[in-house]
């Protein structure tokens, strides 16, 4: 799954890496600060097909689901999103990218230095080995400014099965695109067949990522500072 990301670079850095022709940042720089531990309920930056970059609420629940008191969701499974009642309209018409510098996962393992060996959830930080930002496939119900005021409106990150070779922390991971594949994801003219081929074969593979243990201070969503993504000193 994907329930926590970092996004600490400037919006134009992501735009340049995506090779956008006419990016327009709809975010007040004075209200924006680097995010090292962004969780659902926050407002990460997202890149839209029209090359605007906006801050969007992470989490989504369609009106019919709210009426049934169904929970908000933060992820969409790539295998079923195109046909799911929750996401099929967004899949066809509202695909966006969420730039990220890395994401967090937790693995149950013995606590370092604990002689009893009592297991706990050790957080890991996963990033691209080349240090470049990644672009996460996402879906949103917020297309126009007026949509943001709709209860339950927001975005979800698309996840895929975790391929072999990635740190064994979870059976799901975000669907990560390179800049070129990300632009194809944003293409409003992409056909269902185009999208099927894209998500099946053009996600960034495990060999392009590295990971390390980080402090459990990341568990508290109120904590948001650079040290949260730094490697944990060996015990």
Protein backbone atom coordinates (compact mmCIF):
# COMPACT_ATOMS: atom_id res chain seq x y z
CA UNK A 1 0.00 0.00 0.00
CA UNK A 2 1.04 3.63 0.14
CA UNK A 3 0.07 5.62 3.20
CA UNK A 4 2.98 8.02 3.72
CA UNK A 5 5.23 9.93 1.32
CA UNK A 6 7.89 12.62 1.29
CA UNK A 7 7.66 15.57 -1.08
CA UNK A 8 10.27 18.13 -0.13
CA UNK A 9 11.48 19.67 -3.40
CA UNK A 10 10.15 22.79 -5.07
CA UNK A 11 7.16 22.39 -7.41
CA UNK A 12 9.16 23.58 -10.42
CA UNK A 13 11.77 20.91 -9.79
CA UNK A 14 9.13 18.23 -10.40
CA UNK A 15 7.83 20.15 -13.43
CA UNK A 16 11.33 20.29 -14.94
CA UNK A 17 11.91 16.57 -14.37
CA UNK A 18 8.59 15.84 -16.11
CA UNK A 19 9.65 18.07 -19.01
CA UNK A 20 6.38 20.01 -18.86
CA UNK A 21 6.14 22.65 -21.58
CA UNK A 22 4.00 25.24 -19.77
CA UNK A 23 3.76 24.38 -16.06
CA UNK A 24 1.70 26.67 -13.86
CA UNK A 25 1.93 26.37 -10.08
CA UNK A 26 -1.39 27.09 -8.37
CA UNK A 27 0.16 27.03 -4.92
CA UNK A 28 1.19 30.00 -2.80
CA UNK A 29 4.88 29.51 -2.09
CA UNK A 30 4.50 31.42 1.18
CA UNK A 31 2.08 28.77 2.44
CA UNK A 32 4.16 25.82 1.26
CA UNK A 33 6.98 24.07 3.08
CA UNK A 34 8.89 20.85 2.39
CA UNK A 35 7.01 17.70 3.38
CA UNK A 36 9.01 14.79 4.79
CA UNK A 37 6.16 12.81 6.30
CA UNK A 38 2.94 13.51 4.41
CA UNK A 39 -0.02 11.34 5.36
CA UNK A 40 -3.64 10.95 4.20
CA UNK A 41 -5.61 14.06 5.08
CA UNK A 42 -2.78 16.37 4.07
CA UNK A 43 -2.54 18.23 0.75
CA UNK A 44 0.44 17.06 -1.33
CA UNK A 45 1.23 18.58 -4.69
CA UNK A 46 -0.31 16.95 -7.76
CA UNK A 47 0.34 17.44 -11.48
CA UNK A 48 -2.70 17.70 -13.76
CA UNK A 49 -3.01 17.01 -17.50
CA UNK A 50 -3.21 20.76 -18.21
CA UNK A 51 0.25 21.05 -16.56
CA UNK A 52 -1.04 22.87 -13.50
CA UNK A 53 0.43 21.88 -10.15
CA UNK A 54 -2.01 22.03 -7.26
CA UNK A 55 -2.26 21.03 -3.61
CA UNK A 56 -4.91 18.31 -3.33
CA UNK A 57 -6.51 16.53 -0.39
CA UNK A 58 -5.24 12.95 0.01
CA UNK A 59 -8.31 10.75 0.48
CA UNK A 60 -11.52 10.15 -1.42
CA UNK A 61 -15.07 8.94 -0.91
CA UNK A 62 -17.68 9.33 -3.67
CA UNK A 63 -21.08 10.80 -2.73
CA UNK A 64 -22.94 7.49 -3.03
CA UNK A 65 -20.41 5.84 -0.70
CA UNK A 66 -20.73 8.66 1.84
CA UNK A 67 -24.50 8.14 1.88
CA UNK A 68 -23.87 4.50 2.76
CA UNK A 69 -21.37 5.63 5.41
CA UNK A 70 -18.55 3.77 3.69
CA UNK A 71 -15.02 4.80 4.65
CA UNK A 72 -12.73 7.15 2.80
CA UNK A 73 -10.03 5.40 0.78
CA UNK A 74 -6.46 6.50 0.08
CA UNK A 75 -5.35 3.91 -2.51
CA UNK A 76 -6.79 2.30 -5.63
CA UNK A 77 -5.68 -1.13 -6.83
CA UNK A 78 -4.46 -0.94 -10.43
CA UNK A 79 -5.95 -4.36 -11.18
CA UNK A 80 -9.52 -3.22 -10.47
CA UNK A 81 -9.57 0.59 -10.57
CA UNK A 82 -10.79 0.81 -14.17
CA UNK A 83 -13.94 -1.18 -13.34
CA UNK A 84 -14.50 -0.32 -9.67
CA UNK A 85 -17.59 1.74 -8.81
CA UNK A 86 -15.31 3.94 -6.70
CA UNK A 87 -12.77 4.74 -9.39
CA UNK A 88 -13.86 3.88 -12.95
CA UNK A 89 -14.98 7.41 -13.85
CA UNK A 90 -11.78 8.87 -12.39
CA UNK A 91 -9.72 6.30 -14.29
CA UNK A 92 -11.23 7.45 -17.55
CA UNK A 93 -11.29 11.18 -16.93
CA UNK A 94 -9.23 12.32 -13.96
CA UNK A 95 -5.74 10.84 -13.91
CA UNK A 96 -3.04 12.87 -12.19
CA UNK A 97 0.51 12.40 -10.92
CA UNK A 98 1.71 12.89 -7.36
CA UNK A 99 5.44 13.74 -7.31
CA UNK A 100 7.31 12.12 -4.44
CA UNK A 101 10.89 11.91 -3.26
CA UNK A 102 10.18 8.65 -1.47
CA UNK A 103 7.62 6.68 0.49
CA UNK A 104 7.51 4.79 3.77
CA UNK A 105 6.67 1.19 4.57
CA UNK A 106 6.75 -0.76 7.83
CA UNK A 107 8.09 -4.28 8.42
CA UNK A 108 7.61 -6.40 11.53
CA UNK A 109 11.06 -7.41 12.83
CA UNK A 110 12.98 -7.70 16.11
CA UNK A 111 13.78 -4.39 17.76
CA UNK A 112 17.56 -3.70 17.54
CA UNK A 113 19.27 -4.18 20.90
CA UNK A 114 16.23 -5.86 22.47
CA UNK A 115 17.51 -9.14 23.99
CA UNK A 116 13.97 -10.48 24.26
CA UNK A 117 13.63 -10.04 20.51
CA UNK A 118 10.13 -8.64 20.82
CA UNK A 119 8.98 -7.72 17.30
CA UNK A 120 7.87 -4.23 16.36
CA UNK A 121 7.05 -2.35 13.17
CA UNK A 122 10.29 -0.94 11.80
CA UNK A 123 9.75 1.93 9.34
CA UNK A 124 11.70 2.00 6.07
CA UNK A 125 12.19 4.83 3.63
CA UNK A 126 12.18 3.87 -0.07
CA UNK A 127 13.55 6.15 -2.79
CA UNK A 128 14.96 6.02 -6.29
CA UNK A 129 18.58 4.87 -6.36
CA UNK A 130 19.52 7.72 -8.70
CA UNK A 131 18.15 10.35 -6.31
CA UNK A 132 15.59 11.56 -8.82
CA UNK A 133 11.96 12.20 -7.82
CA UNK A 134 9.34 9.62 -8.67
CA UNK A 135 5.89 10.18 -10.11
CA UNK A 136 3.05 8.22 -8.53
CA UNK A 137 -0.02 7.35 -10.56
CA UNK A 138 -3.10 8.86 -8.91
CA UNK A 139 -6.80 9.50 -9.50
CA UNK A 140 -8.77 12.52 -8.34
CA UNK A 141 -12.34 13.75 -8.06
CA UNK A 142 -11.10 17.36 -7.98
CA UNK A 143 -10.99 18.62 -11.55
CA UNK A 144 -12.21 22.21 -11.10
CA UNK A 145 -11.82 24.59 -8.16
CA UNK A 146 -15.47 24.07 -7.17
CA UNK A 147 -14.90 20.32 -6.75
CA UNK A 148 -12.58 20.84 -3.78
CA UNK A 149 -15.53 21.90 -1.61
CA UNK A 150 -17.44 18.66 -2.26
CA UNK A 151 -17.48 16.42 0.84
CA UNK A 152 -15.25 13.42 0.29
CA UNK A 153 -13.38 14.98 -2.65
CA UNK A 154 -9.69 14.28 -3.07
CA UNK A 155 -7.23 11.88 -4.64
CA UNK A 156 -6.02 8.32 -4.24
CA UNK A 157 -2.66 6.80 -5.12
CA UNK A 158 -2.76 3.83 -7.48
CA UNK A 159 -0.98 0.73 -6.15
CA UNK A 160 0.31 -2.42 -7.78
CA UNK A 161 1.71 -5.71 -6.55
CA UNK A 162 5.15 -5.36 -4.99
CA UNK A 163 7.61 -7.02 -7.37
CA UNK A 164 10.39 -9.30 -6.16
CA UNK A 165 13.56 -7.48 -5.16
CA UNK A 166 11.83 -4.64 -3.35
CA UNK A 167 12.17 -4.56 0.43
CA UNK A 168 9.80 -7.21 1.77
CA UNK A 169 7.51 -4.99 3.80
CA UNK A 170 4.16 -5.22 2.07
CA UNK A 171 2.48 -6.99 -0.84
CA UNK A 172 1.49 -3.66 -2.44
CA UNK A 173 3.42 -0.57 -3.48
CA UNK A 174 2.66 2.66 -5.34
CA UNK A 175 2.63 2.49 -9.13
CA UNK A 176 5.66 4.63 -9.95
CA UNK A 177 6.27 6.11 -13.38
CA UNK A 178 9.29 7.62 -15.09
CA UNK A 179 8.75 11.13 -16.49
CA UNK A 180 7.98 9.83 -20.00
CA UNK A 181 5.52 7.20 -18.76
CA UNK A 182 4.01 9.76 -16.40
CA UNK A 183 3.20 12.08 -19.28
CA UNK A 184 1.45 9.21 -21.05
CA UNK A 185 -0.60 8.58 -17.89
CA UNK A 186 -1.72 12.23 -18.00
CA UNK A 187 -2.65 12.08 -21.68
CA UNK A 188 -6.42 12.65 -21.92
CA UNK A 189 -6.49 10.95 -25.33
CA UNK A 190 -5.11 7.65 -24.02
CA UNK A 191 -7.40 4.73 -24.82
CA UNK A 192 -8.26 1.93 -22.37
CA UNK A 193 -5.82 -0.27 -24.28
CA UNK A 194 -3.10 2.38 -23.96
CA UNK A 195 -3.63 2.59 -20.21
CA UNK A 196 -3.69 -1.19 -19.82
CA UNK A 197 -0.35 -1.50 -21.61
CA UNK A 198 1.12 1.41 -19.66
CA UNK A 199 0.31 0.12 -16.18
CA UNK A 200 1.22 -3.44 -17.09
CA UNK A 201 4.71 -2.81 -18.40
CA UNK A 202 5.92 0.74 -17.77
CA UNK A 203 6.02 1.08 -13.99
CA UNK A 204 9.50 1.67 -12.54
CA UNK A 205 10.86 -1.76 -11.45
CA UNK A 206 12.28 -2.69 -8.05
CA UNK A 207 15.89 -2.56 -9.28
CA UNK A 208 15.63 1.24 -9.48
CA UNK A 209 14.91 1.67 -5.75
CA UNK A 210 16.95 1.60 -2.56
CA UNK A 211 15.72 1.64 1.04
CA UNK A 212 16.92 1.99 4.61
CA UNK A 213 15.60 1.89 8.16
CA UNK A 214 14.50 5.21 9.64
CA UNK A 215 13.48 6.45 13.06
CA UNK A 216 10.13 5.37 14.47
CA UNK A 217 9.44 9.06 15.05
CA UNK A 218 7.94 8.93 11.56
CA UNK A 219 5.04 7.01 13.09
CA UNK A 220 3.63 10.26 14.45
CA UNK A 221 2.13 12.26 11.61
CA UNK A 222 2.74 15.54 13.45
CA UNK A 223 6.48 14.97 12.99
CA UNK A 224 7.71 16.40 9.68
CA UNK A 225 11.40 17.18 9.36
CA UNK A 226 14.44 16.07 7.32
CA UNK A 227 15.82 13.68 9.93
CA UNK A 228 12.80 11.39 9.43
CA UNK A 229 14.16 10.18 6.09
CA UNK A 230 17.79 9.82 7.21
CA UNK A 231 19.24 6.29 7.64
CA UNK A 232 18.98 4.93 11.15
CA UNK A 233 22.37 4.50 12.80
CA UNK A 234 23.41 0.85 13.17
CA UNK A 235 22.84 -0.53 16.67
